[in-house]
Structure formats: C-alpha cells, structure tokens
Amino acid sequence: MKALIVCTSHADYPTKPQKTGLWLSEATHFYDELQDRNIQFDFVSPQGGPIPLDQRSVESRDNTNDKWTHNPVFAEKLANSLRPDQVRAADYQIIYFTGGHGTMWDFPNNEALQAITRHVYEHGGMVAAVCHGVAGLLNVTLSDGTPFLKDKQVTGFSNMEEKLVRLDGEVPFLLEDELKKRGAVYSKSLIPYMPHLEVDERLITGQNPLSARKVGRKVVEEMFEK
C-alpha cells in the first residue's frame, strides 16, 4: 500500500511579503494517521525538489510537526519531492492533496497531476484532499469526459475562512465558489475553522488545517476496515 502526498511548489503572494507554501500540519497530521498501517509514501510537487513551507504553519507549536520534521525519511522526502513526470501512477492506491495557499496557483491546471488522480481513482484507489489542496481536483476529468467533482459531496477552505485570514484579495479565486461552479455539492462547518469532513465513496475532503488528521483517519478506515 502506497500513498502519494501532493504539495505545492509555489511560495509567493502577489503583494504580501510573507511566504506561503505547504501548510505543514496538513502533511504531518495526515501521515501520522497512515504510519500505523505501515503505508509507504512519496511526496510530489509541480516542480519537484524541496517543498516550500508556509512560515506561519512552521511557527505554530505542533508536536506532530516536530515528530515528522525530525524523522529522517520524512524530512528527506520533503526536501526531495518527485516531479509529476517521475511518478508511476500505478504504484499508488492513495493520492492526497495537501493545502497551503500556494496550491491555488499551481494545482488547478497541472494536467500531469490530474492524470495521476484519474488513474488512481479509476483503478479503485482513494482520492483525498484538505483545505486549499482541494483546488487540485477542480479540473480533473474522468476518462469518459465527466468532470470528477460533478455532483460529489465535497468541502474545502470556505469563503468566510479566506476573509478571516484576510487573504481573499490575494488568491486568484475563492475555492468555495469554484467548487460550486464545477457542480460539486459543497458543505462546510457552521463555525469557521472547526474540523469538517465530507466523504463521497472514494473521495474524502477536509475543510481546513484542523481537518487533516480526520481525513487521514477516514482514509485508513475506508481502505482497511470496510
């Protein structure tokens, strides 16, 4: 059993000096749930190589972040992510899109990542995403041309959450709006920044950083306990 963890390569905002990138806990909390099952993993990013980390996500005290960033294998893979063209889709039963604002720029139109996602899904695998990482699913189509998200139950970073972090003017689009435009059935927690999960057969999405562990737990449950 092997999981492909997809991360952004994009670190810059259009006007803000702070750096974006992967929201670290969305990788560590997810993988923390998988490691008990001895699931192997690789990181992939649009450009390959070292994955940029959102500064704010590194500064927050988080024992799970500390645990995995000090794990030599995890740290080495994070520093040497694969490019999409180095990935053999047939090797993976799980694909998981992490978030961080950078994903809004380099996930939606990456056709190589879309092709890997399609392969994993159409061969009985699990597709998962959290927070802004759900943007990676916006333009995925299935082999018969059907938009992947059409009529599926999903969640992802909400318009309200984007406004609360005051980045709604920086991002190229609002994820909640785009998911609805793709025909997805979008839902969110009543209170911003509370964990929220949506499961639609082999598609599992989480709304925000606090949802990443729940996504991991649900992936394990669906893969092993059904």
Protein backbone atom coordinates (compact mmCIF):
# COMPACT_ATOMS: atom_id res chain seq x y z
CA MET A 1 0.00 0.00 0.00
CA LYS A 2 1.44 3.36 -1.03
CA ALA A 3 0.26 6.98 -0.74
CA LEU A 4 1.23 9.92 -2.95
CA ILE A 5 1.20 13.19 -0.99
CA VAL A 6 0.85 16.19 -3.30
CA CYS A 7 2.31 19.54 -2.18
CA THR A 8 2.64 22.98 -3.73
CA SER A 9 5.84 24.40 -5.22
CA HIS A 10 4.50 27.98 -5.04
CA ALA A 11 5.75 30.26 -2.25
CA ASP A 12 4.81 33.84 -3.18
CA TYR A 13 1.76 36.05 -2.75
CA PRO A 14 1.10 38.76 -5.35
CA THR A 15 1.51 41.66 -2.87
CA LYS A 16 2.27 40.33 0.63
CA PRO A 17 5.91 39.89 1.71
CA GLN A 18 5.17 36.78 3.80
CA LYS A 19 5.78 33.40 2.18
CA THR A 20 3.22 30.70 1.54
CA GLY A 21 3.74 27.07 0.58
CA LEU A 22 2.65 23.83 2.21
CA TRP A 23 0.67 24.22 5.44
CA LEU A 24 2.91 21.77 7.27
CA SER A 25 0.38 20.11 9.59
CA GLU A 26 -1.76 19.14 6.60
CA ALA A 27 1.03 16.74 5.60
CA THR A 28 2.19 15.64 9.06
CA HIS A 29 -1.23 15.11 10.67
CA PHE A 30 -2.45 13.14 7.66
CA TYR A 31 0.61 10.92 7.52
CA ASP A 32 0.58 10.43 11.29
CA GLU A 33 -2.69 8.54 10.82
CA LEU A 34 -1.28 6.38 7.99
CA GLN A 35 2.02 5.36 9.56
CA ASP A 36 0.50 2.83 11.98
CA ARG A 37 -0.56 0.82 8.94
CA ASN A 38 2.95 0.84 7.52
CA ILE A 39 1.75 2.64 4.39
CA GLN A 40 4.69 3.77 2.23
CA PHE A 41 4.60 7.31 0.87
CA ASP A 42 6.19 9.74 -1.56
CA PHE A 43 5.88 13.49 -1.94
CA VAL A 44 5.23 15.03 -5.34
CA SER A 45 5.07 18.71 -6.26
CA PRO A 46 4.57 20.51 -9.57
CA GLN A 47 8.27 21.44 -9.81
CA GLY A 48 9.76 18.63 -7.71
CA GLY A 49 12.60 19.19 -5.25
CA PRO A 50 12.30 20.99 -1.91
CA ILE A 51 8.76 21.86 -0.87
CA PRO A 52 8.31 25.43 0.43
CA LEU A 53 6.65 25.68 3.84
CA ASP A 54 4.20 28.40 4.85
CA GLN A 55 6.05 30.36 7.53
CA ARG A 56 3.03 30.62 9.83
CA SER A 57 2.49 26.86 9.81
CA VAL A 58 6.08 26.23 10.91
CA GLU A 59 5.97 28.80 13.71
CA SER A 60 2.94 27.29 15.43
CA ARG A 61 3.80 24.82 18.19
CA ASP A 62 2.79 21.39 17.00
CA ASN A 63 4.13 18.12 18.38
CA THR A 64 3.19 16.18 15.26
CA ASN A 65 5.10 18.65 13.07
CA ASP A 66 8.12 18.28 15.35
CA LYS A 67 7.89 14.50 15.26
CA TRP A 68 7.86 14.23 11.47
CA THR A 69 10.21 17.07 10.54
CA HIS A 70 12.79 15.35 12.75
CA ASN A 71 12.11 11.99 11.11
CA PRO A 72 15.00 11.47 8.62
CA VAL A 73 12.92 9.66 5.99
CA PHE A 74 10.04 12.14 6.09
CA ALA A 75 12.41 15.15 6.04
CA GLU A 76 14.44 13.71 3.16
CA LYS A 77 11.32 13.10 1.06
CA LEU A 78 10.01 16.60 1.84
CA ALA A 79 13.32 18.07 0.65
CA ASN A 80 13.40 15.92 -2.50
CA SER A 81 9.85 15.68 -3.77
CA LEU A 82 9.21 13.98 -7.09
CA ARG A 83 8.10 15.79 -10.22
CA PRO A 84 4.79 14.54 -11.65
CA ASP A 85 6.63 13.05 -14.65
CA GLN A 86 8.67 10.87 -12.25
CA VAL A 87 5.53 9.34 -10.73
CA ARG A 88 4.20 5.97 -11.87
CA ALA A 89 0.50 6.30 -11.02
CA ALA A 90 0.00 2.53 -10.86
CA ASP A 91 2.26 2.38 -7.77
CA TYR A 92 -0.23 4.29 -5.60
CA GLN A 93 -3.55 3.36 -4.04
CA ILE A 94 -3.99 6.74 -2.32
CA ILE A 95 -3.45 10.28 -3.60
CA TYR A 96 -3.75 13.14 -1.12
CA PHE A 97 -3.62 16.87 -1.93
CA THR A 98 -2.27 18.98 0.94
CA GLY A 99 -3.11 22.66 1.24
CA GLY A 100 -1.44 25.95 1.90
CA HIS A 101 -2.30 28.98 -0.21
CA GLY A 102 0.37 28.19 -2.82
CA THR A 103 -1.81 25.38 -4.16
CA MET A 104 -4.26 27.95 -5.54
CA TRP A 105 -1.67 28.91 -8.16
CA ASP A 106 -0.01 25.65 -9.16
CA PHE A 107 -2.57 22.87 -8.56
CA PRO A 108 -5.67 23.60 -10.66
CA ASN A 109 -4.12 23.49 -14.14
CA ASN A 110 -1.49 20.81 -13.63
CA GLU A 111 -2.51 18.19 -16.19
CA ALA A 112 0.08 15.64 -15.04
CA LEU A 113 -1.35 15.65 -11.51
CA GLN A 114 -4.86 15.41 -12.96
CA ALA A 115 -3.84 12.33 -14.96
CA ILE A 116 -2.35 10.65 -11.86
CA THR A 117 -5.54 11.42 -9.91
CA ARG A 118 -7.71 9.97 -12.67
CA HIS A 119 -5.62 6.79 -12.78
CA VAL A 120 -5.70 6.23 -9.01
CA TYR A 121 -9.46 6.80 -8.86
CA GLU A 122 -10.36 4.70 -11.90
CA HIS A 123 -8.27 1.80 -10.59
CA GLY A 124 -10.15 1.63 -7.30
CA GLY A 125 -7.88 3.90 -5.25
CA MET A 126 -8.70 6.68 -2.82
CA VAL A 127 -8.58 10.40 -3.62
CA ALA A 128 -8.26 12.75 -0.65
CA ALA A 129 -7.63 16.48 -0.23
CA VAL A 130 -7.71 19.09 2.51
CA CYS A 131 -8.20 22.84 2.72
CA HIS A 132 -6.78 24.69 -0.34
CA GLY A 133 -5.48 21.37 -1.66
CA VAL A 134 -9.00 20.60 -2.88
CA ALA A 135 -8.13 23.06 -5.68
CA GLY A 136 -6.13 20.22 -7.21
CA LEU A 137 -9.40 18.46 -8.03
CA LEU A 138 -11.16 21.37 -9.75
CA ASN A 139 -10.23 20.43 -13.31
CA VAL A 140 -9.86 16.65 -13.03
CA THR A 141 -11.96 14.79 -15.60
CA LEU A 142 -12.61 11.07 -15.80
CA SER A 143 -11.79 9.01 -18.90
CA ASP A 144 -15.33 9.39 -20.22
CA GLY A 145 -15.01 13.18 -20.03
CA THR A 146 -17.14 13.61 -16.89
CA PRO A 147 -15.91 16.34 -14.54
CA PHE A 148 -14.65 14.48 -11.48
CA LEU A 149 -16.34 16.78 -8.96
CA LYS A 150 -19.76 16.95 -10.59
CA ASP A 151 -22.48 16.02 -8.07
CA LYS A 152 -19.90 14.88 -5.49
CA GLN A 153 -20.13 15.85 -1.82
CA VAL A 154 -17.08 17.98 -1.03
CA THR A 155 -15.69 20.55 1.33
CA GLY A 156 -12.65 22.83 1.22
CA PHE A 157 -11.45 26.18 2.57
CA SER A 158 -14.53 28.40 2.79
CA ASN A 159 -15.06 31.98 1.60
CA MET A 160 -15.57 33.06 5.21
CA GLU A 161 -12.29 31.45 6.32
CA GLU A 162 -10.47 33.21 3.46
CA LYS A 163 -11.92 36.55 4.56
CA LEU A 164 -10.98 35.90 8.19
CA VAL A 165 -7.31 35.35 7.28
CA ARG A 166 -7.55 38.48 5.07
CA LEU A 167 -6.19 36.71 2.02
CA ASP A 168 -9.37 36.84 -0.09
CA GLY A 169 -7.80 39.72 -2.03
CA GLU A 170 -4.56 37.81 -2.70
CA VAL A 171 -5.79 34.48 -4.02
CA PRO A 172 -6.61 34.04 -7.72
CA PHE A 173 -10.09 32.70 -6.90
CA LEU A 174 -12.25 31.65 -3.95
CA LEU A 175 -12.21 27.88 -3.61
CA GLU A 176 -15.78 27.51 -2.31
CA ASP A 177 -17.12 29.44 -5.31
CA GLU A 178 -15.11 27.42 -7.83
CA LEU A 179 -16.17 24.09 -6.32
CA LYS A 180 -19.80 25.11 -6.69
CA LYS A 181 -19.19 26.22 -10.29
CA ARG A 182 -17.87 22.71 -11.06
CA GLY A 183 -21.18 21.21 -9.91
CA ALA A 184 -19.84 19.89 -6.61
CA VAL A 185 -22.20 19.72 -3.65
CA TYR A 186 -20.26 21.92 -1.24
CA SER A 187 -20.71 21.97 2.53
CA LYS A 188 -18.81 23.47 5.46
CA SER A 189 -18.85 23.59 9.25
CA LEU A 190 -21.24 26.05 10.86
CA ILE A 191 -18.33 27.71 12.65
CA PRO A 192 -15.20 28.65 10.65
CA TYR A 193 -12.01 26.72 11.46
CA MET A 194 -13.78 23.77 13.01
CA PRO A 195 -12.87 20.33 11.60
CA HIS A 196 -15.22 19.24 8.83
CA LEU A 197 -15.10 16.19 6.58
CA GLU A 198 -17.04 15.08 3.53
CA VAL A 199 -16.94 11.50 2.24
CA ASP A 200 -18.29 10.57 -1.19
CA GLU A 201 -17.35 6.93 -1.72
CA ARG A 202 -13.63 7.04 -2.65
CA LEU A 203 -13.32 10.82 -2.39
CA ILE A 204 -12.55 12.30 1.05
CA THR A 205 -12.15 16.04 1.57
CA GLY A 206 -11.44 18.16 4.65
CA GLN A 207 -12.27 21.84 5.06
CA ASN A 208 -9.27 23.35 6.85
CA PRO A 209 -5.98 22.53 8.62
CA LEU A 210 -7.77 21.07 11.64
CA SER A 211 -9.44 18.55 9.33
CA ALA A 212 -6.22 16.92 8.05
CA ARG A 213 -5.98 14.29 10.78
CA LYS A 214 -9.63 13.37 10.28
CA VAL A 215 -9.01 12.93 6.54
CA GLY A 216 -6.11 10.58 7.28
CA ARG A 217 -8.12 8.60 9.79
CA LYS A 218 -11.02 8.25 7.35
CA VAL A 219 -8.72 7.13 4.51
CA VAL A 220 -7.31 4.37 6.73
CA GLU A 221 -10.82 3.35 7.80
CA GLU A 222 -12.08 3.18 4.21
CA MET A 223 -9.03 1.28 2.94
CA PHE A 224 -8.63 -1.23 5.76
CA GLU A 225 -11.78 -1.53 7.81
CA LYS A 226 -14.57 -1.91 5.29
